[in-house]
Protein backbone atom coordinates (compact mmCIF):
# COMPACT_ATOMS: atom_id res chain seq x y z
CA MET A 1 11.92 -17.96 1.78
CA ASP A 2 9.54 -19.43 4.34
CA LYS A 3 5.82 -18.73 4.17
CA ILE A 4 5.87 -16.45 7.19
CA SER A 5 8.21 -14.05 5.40
CA GLN A 6 6.39 -14.26 2.08
CA PRO A 7 4.19 -11.22 1.38
CA LEU A 8 0.93 -11.91 -0.44
CA VAL A 9 1.22 -11.59 -4.23
CA SER A 10 -1.88 -11.06 -6.39
CA ILE A 11 -1.52 -12.48 -9.91
CA ILE A 12 -3.98 -10.92 -12.36
CA ILE A 13 -4.65 -12.68 -15.67
CA LEU A 14 -6.93 -10.96 -18.17
CA ASN A 15 -8.71 -13.52 -20.34
CA TYR A 16 -10.56 -13.24 -23.62
CA ASN A 17 -11.08 -16.52 -25.45
CA ALA A 18 -7.58 -17.72 -24.51
CA GLY A 19 -8.60 -21.38 -24.65
CA GLN A 20 -5.92 -23.88 -23.69
CA LEU A 21 -3.29 -21.15 -23.32
CA ILE A 22 -4.70 -19.81 -20.06
CA LEU A 23 -5.10 -23.34 -18.67
CA ASP A 24 -1.41 -23.99 -19.39
CA CYS A 25 -0.54 -20.66 -17.77
CA LEU A 26 -2.45 -21.53 -14.60
CA GLU A 27 -0.90 -24.98 -14.52
CA SER A 28 2.58 -23.44 -14.55
CA ILE A 29 1.62 -21.13 -11.68
CA THR A 30 0.69 -24.16 -9.53
CA LYS A 31 4.35 -25.23 -9.78
CA THR A 32 5.62 -21.93 -8.40
CA ASN A 33 7.88 -22.37 -5.36
CA TYR A 34 6.13 -19.45 -3.64
CA ASP A 35 3.10 -20.26 -1.48
CA ASN A 36 1.52 -16.97 -0.46
CA LEU A 37 -0.29 -15.92 -3.62
CA GLU A 38 -3.76 -15.41 -5.02
CA VAL A 39 -4.73 -15.77 -8.68
CA ILE A 40 -7.41 -13.49 -10.10
CA VAL A 41 -8.75 -14.29 -13.58
CA VAL A 42 -10.64 -11.36 -15.05
CA ASP A 43 -12.72 -12.47 -18.02
CA ASN A 44 -13.64 -9.98 -20.72
CA ALA A 45 -16.89 -11.66 -21.81
CA SER A 46 -15.30 -14.72 -23.45
CA ILE A 47 -17.51 -16.95 -25.60
CA ASP A 48 -15.20 -19.99 -25.67
CA GLU A 49 -15.98 -21.00 -22.05
CA SER A 50 -12.27 -20.81 -21.21
CA HIS A 51 -12.99 -18.85 -18.04
CA ARG A 52 -15.39 -21.49 -16.76
CA LYS A 53 -12.89 -24.24 -17.54
CA CYS A 54 -10.33 -22.33 -15.49
CA LYS A 55 -12.61 -22.31 -12.46
CA GLU A 56 -13.50 -25.99 -12.90
CA LYS A 57 -9.87 -27.09 -13.06
CA PHE A 58 -8.38 -24.58 -10.60
CA GLU A 59 -10.94 -24.09 -7.84
CA ASN A 60 -8.78 -21.74 -5.77
CA ILE A 61 -8.63 -18.97 -8.36
CA ARG A 62 -10.87 -15.92 -8.08
CA LEU A 63 -12.92 -15.49 -11.26
CA ILE A 64 -14.33 -12.06 -12.11
CA GLU A 65 -16.69 -12.08 -15.10
CA ASN A 66 -17.14 -8.74 -16.86
CA GLU A 67 -20.48 -8.31 -18.60
CA LYS A 68 -18.74 -6.87 -21.66
CA ASN A 69 -15.23 -6.67 -23.08
CA LEU A 70 -13.65 -3.74 -21.23
CA GLY A 71 -10.40 -3.86 -23.16
CA TYR A 72 -6.89 -4.47 -21.88
CA CYS A 73 -6.37 -1.50 -19.54
CA GLU A 74 -9.78 -1.34 -17.89
CA GLY A 75 -9.95 -5.12 -17.64
CA ASN A 76 -6.66 -5.25 -15.74
CA ASN A 77 -7.80 -2.33 -13.58
CA VAL A 78 -10.75 -4.46 -12.45
CA GLY A 79 -8.26 -7.06 -11.25
CA ILE A 80 -6.07 -4.48 -9.52
CA GLN A 81 -9.08 -3.04 -7.68
CA ASN A 82 -9.91 -6.51 -6.34
CA ALA A 83 -6.33 -7.53 -5.49
CA LYS A 84 -5.49 -8.02 -1.81
CA GLY A 85 -1.76 -8.59 -2.16
CA GLU A 86 1.15 -6.44 -1.11
CA PHE A 87 2.41 -7.02 -4.65
CA VAL A 88 0.56 -7.24 -7.96
CA VAL A 89 1.53 -9.15 -11.10
CA ILE A 90 -0.16 -8.51 -14.44
CA LEU A 91 0.35 -11.68 -16.46
CA ASN A 92 -0.73 -12.45 -20.03
CA PRO A 93 -2.68 -15.72 -20.43
CA ASP A 94 -0.28 -17.07 -23.08
CA THR A 95 2.63 -17.10 -20.62
CA ILE A 96 4.37 -20.00 -18.89
CA VAL A 97 6.29 -19.13 -15.72
CA ASP A 98 9.33 -20.81 -14.18
CA PRO A 99 9.03 -22.20 -10.62
CA ASP A 100 11.28 -19.52 -9.10
CA TRP A 101 9.90 -16.52 -10.99
CA LEU A 102 8.19 -14.84 -8.02
CA THR A 103 11.09 -15.46 -5.66
CA GLU A 104 13.43 -13.69 -8.10
CA LEU A 105 11.06 -10.75 -8.57
CA ILE A 106 10.67 -10.34 -4.79
CA ARG A 107 14.46 -10.48 -4.45
CA ALA A 108 14.84 -7.69 -7.00
CA TYR A 109 12.27 -5.57 -5.16
CA ASN A 110 14.00 -6.11 -1.81
CA ARG A 111 17.21 -4.83 -3.33
CA TYR A 112 15.96 -1.86 -5.37
CA GLY A 113 12.62 -0.90 -3.79
CA GLU A 114 9.48 0.56 -5.35
CA ALA A 115 9.48 0.30 -9.14
CA LEU A 116 7.96 -1.68 -12.00
CA TYR A 117 9.73 -4.97 -12.76
CA GLN A 118 9.64 -7.51 -15.54
CA PRO A 119 11.56 -10.77 -16.05
CA LYS A 120 13.14 -11.66 -19.37
CA HIS A 121 10.61 -13.15 -21.80
CA LEU A 122 11.46 -16.21 -23.89
CA SER A 123 9.56 -17.78 -26.76
CA LEU A 124 7.00 -20.45 -25.88
CA ASN A 125 8.06 -22.54 -28.85
CA GLU A 126 11.83 -22.00 -28.66
CA LYS A 127 12.76 -21.42 -25.06
CA SER A 128 16.28 -20.27 -25.86
CA ILE A 129 15.04 -17.38 -28.04
CA PHE A 130 14.21 -13.95 -26.62
CA MET A 131 10.85 -12.34 -27.02
CA SER A 132 12.24 -9.51 -24.91
CA ALA A 133 15.28 -8.87 -22.74
CA GLY A 134 13.64 -5.76 -21.34
CA ASN A 135 11.61 -3.16 -23.21
CA MET A 136 13.46 -0.01 -24.24
CA MET A 137 12.77 3.35 -25.90
CA ASN A 138 14.52 4.53 -29.07
CA VAL A 139 15.61 8.12 -29.80
CA PHE A 140 12.23 8.86 -31.40
CA GLY A 141 10.32 7.80 -28.29
CA PHE A 142 9.04 4.49 -29.65
CA GLY A 143 9.24 1.34 -27.57
CA TYR A 144 10.83 -1.91 -28.69
CA ALA A 145 11.61 -5.33 -27.25
CA ARG A 146 15.35 -5.60 -26.77
CA GLU A 147 17.08 -8.66 -28.33
CA LYS A 148 13.83 -10.03 -29.76
CA GLY A 149 14.56 -13.11 -31.88
CA LYS A 150 18.11 -13.48 -30.55
CA LYS A 151 19.47 -16.41 -28.55
CA ASP A 152 19.53 -16.35 -24.77
CA VAL A 153 23.00 -17.34 -23.55
CA ASN A 154 22.51 -15.90 -20.05
CA GLN A 155 23.82 -12.50 -21.12
CA TYR A 156 20.95 -10.77 -19.28
CA ASN A 157 20.94 -12.76 -16.05
CA MET A 158 21.30 -9.63 -13.95
CA ILE A 159 19.06 -6.87 -12.61
CA GLU A 160 19.30 -3.67 -14.62
CA GLN A 161 17.24 -0.61 -15.49
CA ILE A 162 15.06 -0.78 -18.61
CA GLY A 163 12.91 1.68 -20.50
CA TYR A 164 9.54 0.32 -19.43
CA ALA A 165 7.99 -2.89 -18.13
CA SER A 166 5.88 -5.03 -20.44
CA GLY A 167 2.35 -6.10 -19.56
CA THR A 168 3.32 -9.64 -20.58
CA CYS A 169 4.56 -10.01 -17.02
CA LEU A 170 4.62 -6.82 -14.95
CA PHE A 171 5.43 -6.97 -11.21
CA ALA A 172 4.98 -4.05 -8.82
CA PRO A 173 4.13 -3.29 -5.20
CA SER A 174 0.39 -2.66 -4.93
CA SER A 175 1.15 0.73 -3.38
CA VAL A 176 2.01 2.14 -6.81
CA PHE A 177 -1.64 1.64 -7.79
CA LYS A 178 -3.07 3.28 -4.65
CA LYS A 179 -3.62 7.04 -4.40
CA VAL A 180 -3.27 8.18 -0.80
CA GLY A 181 -3.71 11.54 0.90
CA LEU A 182 -2.74 12.47 4.46
CA LEU A 183 -4.46 15.33 6.29
CA ASP A 184 -2.66 16.49 9.41
CA ALA A 185 -5.63 17.48 11.58
CA ASP A 186 -3.52 18.37 14.61
CA ILE A 187 -3.94 22.12 14.23
CA TYR A 188 -1.99 23.08 17.35
CA GLY A 189 0.88 20.62 16.94
CA PRO A 190 1.30 19.63 13.27
CA SER A 191 4.10 17.10 12.80
CA VAL A 192 3.62 15.91 9.21
CA PRO A 193 5.89 18.57 7.64
CA ARG A 194 8.88 17.47 9.69
CA MET A 195 8.21 13.74 9.47
CA PHE A 196 7.98 13.94 5.67
CA GLY A 197 10.95 16.25 5.20
CA ALA A 198 8.82 19.22 4.11
CA VAL A 199 9.54 21.84 6.78
CA ASN A 200 9.12 25.42 5.47
CA GLN A 201 7.52 24.12 2.26
CA ARG A 202 4.45 25.98 1.04
CA PRO A 203 1.64 24.58 -1.13
CA GLU A 204 0.74 26.36 -4.35
CA VAL A 205 -2.69 27.89 -4.93
CA THR A 206 -4.60 27.66 -8.22
CA LYS A 207 -6.35 30.55 -9.94
CA ASP A 208 -9.66 29.43 -8.44
CA ASN A 209 -8.12 29.47 -4.94
CA LYS A 210 -7.71 25.71 -4.58
CA ILE A 211 -4.71 24.54 -2.55
CA ILE A 212 -2.44 22.02 -4.28
CA PRO A 213 -1.21 19.54 -1.65
CA LEU A 214 2.48 18.78 -1.40
CA GLU A 215 3.55 15.27 -2.34
CA ARG A 216 6.24 13.17 -0.68
CA TYR A 217 6.94 9.46 -1.16
CA GLY A 218 3.81 9.12 -3.29
CA VAL A 219 1.49 10.58 -0.60
CA LYS A 220 -0.39 13.87 -0.99
CA LEU A 221 0.00 15.97 2.15
CA MET A 222 -1.87 18.85 3.74
CA SER A 223 -1.07 20.34 7.15
CA MET A 224 -1.45 23.60 9.01
CA GLY A 225 2.34 23.33 9.33
CA PHE A 226 2.60 24.19 5.62
CA ILE A 227 0.83 27.49 6.22
CA THR A 228 2.34 28.67 9.52
CA GLU A 229 5.91 28.85 10.78
CA GLU A 230 7.05 25.80 12.76
CA GLU A 231 7.62 27.81 15.95
CA ALA A 232 4.47 29.94 15.66
CA ALA A 233 1.66 29.24 18.13
CA LEU A 234 -1.96 29.21 16.96
CA VAL A 235 -4.30 30.80 19.49
CA TRP A 236 -7.60 29.85 17.91
CA ARG A 237 -10.96 28.97 19.34
CA GLY A 238 -13.72 26.72 18.00
CA PRO A 239 -15.05 28.74 15.00
CA MET A 240 -11.55 29.39 13.64
CA LEU A 241 -10.66 25.73 14.03
CA PHE A 242 -13.78 24.59 12.20
CA LYS A 243 -13.10 27.00 9.34
CA ALA A 244 -9.48 25.84 9.01
CA MET A 245 -10.43 22.16 8.99
CA ASP A 246 -13.22 22.76 6.49
CA GLN A 247 -10.82 24.58 4.19
CA MET A 248 -8.24 21.79 4.34
CA LEU A 249 -10.95 19.30 3.43
CA ARG A 250 -12.98 21.24 0.86
CA ASP A 251 -10.49 23.67 -0.68
CA VAL A 252 -7.58 21.30 -1.18
CA GLN A 253 -7.23 19.87 -4.68
CA TRP A 254 -6.87 16.27 -3.53
CA GLY A 255 -7.85 14.78 -6.91
CA GLU A 256 -8.96 11.16 -7.05
CA LEU A 257 -7.88 9.29 -3.92
CA ASP A 258 -8.28 5.69 -2.82
CA TYR A 259 -7.66 6.65 0.81
CA LEU A 260 -7.60 9.89 2.77
CA LEU A 261 -5.93 9.40 6.16
CA MET A 262 -6.50 11.98 8.89
CA ASP A 263 -4.01 12.25 11.74
CA LEU A 264 -6.14 13.50 14.65
CA PRO A 265 -4.87 15.17 17.81
CA PRO A 266 -5.26 13.19 21.04
CA GLY A 267 -8.37 13.47 23.16
CA THR A 268 -11.91 14.61 22.38
CA GLY A 269 -11.42 18.29 21.62
CA ASP A 270 -13.08 20.46 19.00
CA VAL A 271 -11.19 19.06 15.98
CA PRO A 272 -11.74 15.30 16.39
CA LEU A 273 -15.32 15.80 17.56
CA SER A 274 -16.16 18.07 14.62
CA LEU A 275 -14.62 15.69 12.09
CA ALA A 276 -16.34 12.66 13.61
CA GLN A 277 -19.70 14.45 13.38
CA LYS A 278 -19.38 16.10 9.95
CA VAL A 279 -17.15 13.82 7.87
CA PRO A 280 -18.17 10.29 6.80
CA ILE A 281 -15.24 8.45 8.40
CA ALA A 282 -14.86 4.82 7.28
CA GLY A 283 -13.01 3.79 10.42
CA ALA A 284 -10.78 4.93 13.28
CA LEU A 285 -7.40 3.37 14.04
CA VAL A 286 -6.48 4.18 17.65
CA VAL A 287 -2.85 4.37 18.81
CA THR A 288 -1.72 4.13 22.43
CA THR A 289 1.22 3.23 24.63
CA PRO A 290 0.72 0.38 27.14
CA GLN A 291 0.45 2.27 30.41
CA ASN A 292 -2.82 3.29 32.04
CA ILE A 293 -2.03 7.02 31.93
CA SER A 294 -2.25 6.83 28.13
CA LEU A 295 -5.24 4.49 28.19
CA ILE A 296 -7.28 7.09 30.09
CA ASP A 297 -7.31 9.42 27.05
CA VAL A 298 -7.75 6.56 24.61
CA LYS A 299 -10.89 5.35 26.37
CA LYS A 300 -12.42 8.81 25.97
CA SER A 301 -11.55 8.87 22.25
CA ILE A 302 -13.10 5.44 21.69
CA ASP A 303 -16.22 6.51 23.57
CA MET A 304 -16.48 9.58 21.32
CA PHE A 305 -16.15 7.47 18.16
CA GLU A 306 -18.78 5.04 19.41
CA ARG A 307 -21.20 7.87 20.17
CA THR A 308 -20.73 9.35 16.68
CA GLY A 309 -21.15 5.96 14.98
CA THR A 310 -17.54 5.71 13.78
CA PRO A 311 -16.34 2.08 13.43
CA ILE A 312 -13.16 1.20 15.34
CA VAL A 313 -10.69 -0.56 13.03
CA GLY A 314 -8.48 -1.67 15.90
CA MET A 315 -5.81 -0.63 18.35
CA VAL A 316 -2.09 -0.13 17.71
CA GLU A 317 0.15 -0.55 20.77
CA ASN A 318 3.14 1.73 20.33
CA MET A 319 6.43 1.80 22.25
CA ALA A 320 5.45 -1.46 23.91
CA PHE A 321 9.05 -2.63 24.45
CA PHE A 322 12.67 -2.23 23.47
CA ARG A 323 15.11 -4.96 22.58
CA GLY A 324 17.80 -5.96 25.03
CA PRO A 325 21.36 -6.93 24.12
CA ASN A 326 20.31 -10.52 23.42
CA GLY A 327 17.23 -9.60 21.37
CA GLU A 328 14.81 -10.06 24.26
CA GLU A 329 11.78 -7.77 24.62
CA LEU A 330 12.02 -5.49 27.67
CA GLU A 331 9.04 -3.38 28.78
CA MET A 332 9.49 0.39 28.55
CA PHE A 333 6.39 1.26 30.56
CA PRO A 334 4.44 -0.47 33.32
CA SER A 335 2.00 -2.92 31.75
CA GLY A 336 -1.47 -1.49 32.29
CA GLU A 337 -4.99 -2.65 31.64
CA LEU A 338 -4.84 -2.36 27.85
CA ASP A 339 -5.37 -6.02 26.98
CA ALA A 340 -8.20 -6.45 29.46
CA TYR A 341 -9.87 -3.29 28.15
CA LEU A 342 -9.62 -4.46 24.53
CA ASP A 343 -11.08 -7.85 25.43
CA ARG A 344 -13.99 -6.19 27.19
CA LYS A 345 -14.67 -3.82 24.28
CA LYS A 346 -14.04 -6.54 21.68
CA ILE A 347 -11.48 -4.35 19.90
CA ALA A 348 -8.62 -6.08 18.10
CA LYS A 349 -4.99 -5.20 18.74
CA VAL A 350 -3.91 -4.99 15.08
CA ALA A 351 -0.23 -4.11 15.57
CA ARG A 352 2.38 -3.89 18.32
CA PHE A 353 5.52 -1.81 17.91
CA GLY A 354 8.56 -1.46 20.11
CA PHE A 355 10.71 1.61 20.58
CA PHE A 356 13.33 1.64 17.83
CA ASN A 357 15.84 4.42 17.51
CA SER A 358 15.89 4.14 13.72
CA ILE A 359 12.13 4.82 13.52
CA ALA A 360 12.53 7.89 15.74
CA LYS A 361 15.47 9.14 13.65
CA GLY A 362 13.48 8.70 10.45
CA GLY A 363 10.79 11.01 11.81
CA GLU A 364 13.39 13.57 12.86
CA VAL A 365 15.15 13.77 9.50
CA GLY A 366 12.00 13.43 7.41
CA ILE A 367 12.74 10.08 5.76
CA PRO A 368 10.16 7.38 6.52
CA PHE A 369 11.67 4.38 8.26
CA MET A 370 10.36 1.97 5.62
CA GLU A 371 12.23 3.79 2.85
CA GLN A 372 15.57 2.91 4.44
CA ASN A 373 14.78 -0.45 6.07
CA VAL A 374 12.99 -2.49 3.43
CA ASP A 375 13.72 -5.92 4.93
CA SER A 376 13.31 -5.21 8.65
CA PRO A 377 10.70 -6.98 10.84
CA GLU A 378 9.31 -3.56 11.77
CA THR A 379 8.74 -2.71 8.11
CA ALA A 380 6.91 -6.02 7.71
CA GLU A 381 4.71 -5.06 10.68
CA PHE A 382 3.91 -1.68 9.13
CA LYS A 383 3.07 -3.37 5.82
CA ASN A 384 0.83 -5.91 7.54
CA LEU A 385 -1.06 -3.04 9.15
CA ALA A 386 -1.43 -1.25 5.80
CA ASN A 387 -2.65 -4.43 4.14
CA LEU A 388 -5.22 -4.89 6.90
CA LEU A 389 -6.62 -1.45 6.15
CA ILE A 390 -6.64 -2.14 2.42
CA GLU A 391 -8.45 -5.46 2.90
CA ASN A 392 -11.13 -3.83 5.06
CA TYR A 393 -11.61 -0.62 3.10
CA GLN A 394 -10.96 -1.27 -0.58
């Protein structure tokens, strides 16, 4: 696995007076045959100076010093909140890892997708003896370490489902720790219900008249398309639009979210202007196709965001090309003035997507492209874009 194809992995080690154990753990990580990683040591107010020794010996680690002992869960949460990786590993400080451990965990993820993973755990003192061959649950609901104390003769050298993953070494995509909501602000042409496979679905309402958003693929969703029929036209003017948008923002039981994404309609109409003026937007990600006819509208949108003080995250160039029979990139539209405009405005082009039939089909049938194409270059591009947003707005 070359470095270009290696997603960033954040390794979080919670330390409390671990002494030489954490130094040995970090030393083993330096021998990992996986280059694209960051190591975050979260110290729970140690008094043995082990955290400072870690930083002295391993300068590239990120050291976070808590003022008091926050305990195991909250201490690890501090690390997760500061992690930048596409994947997160929670690793105990008294653990030694093999050189290929991350490569194997990534391989398992690429095969089975979003889940929690753990490798088999062997004794530090007797490396042929299991500490755990996967944690399981008994009939009474209590957890136990399978095969603990028994000899490892490669009987568990396969990927299989277990009861739960141990915090000794827990691997997961960072997305499982992020809470995301998506508000479809295109009142006249809502597309989120179809693209997420939720056509004709209706949200529930609580006793205090709060709307419970639908959830698909780990994302909380709200759209006017959940309230009206797909073929019904909305003939609303400004005041009605403002009321509808306010209700979807204020009266939806979003819960705690890390990110609320708003899919705005094109142009500078009532909805995007009202949101830009009344909602504290962290940043705007603008999407366009390459040709000038699309750029005309995009320029107006960017001007509106600039006037309302909304930061521009960057520009996504969509449907920029399609692939020919030999894999070459062929332009779909005449190449316009997009690049020159971005240079003049000092706006970064943060992603560039071609026209791919499988992406279009995914939107039609309501199954996100990334769910079915884990290893594709396009999925990697989508993930890079998501990671850029996380890095800038965590």
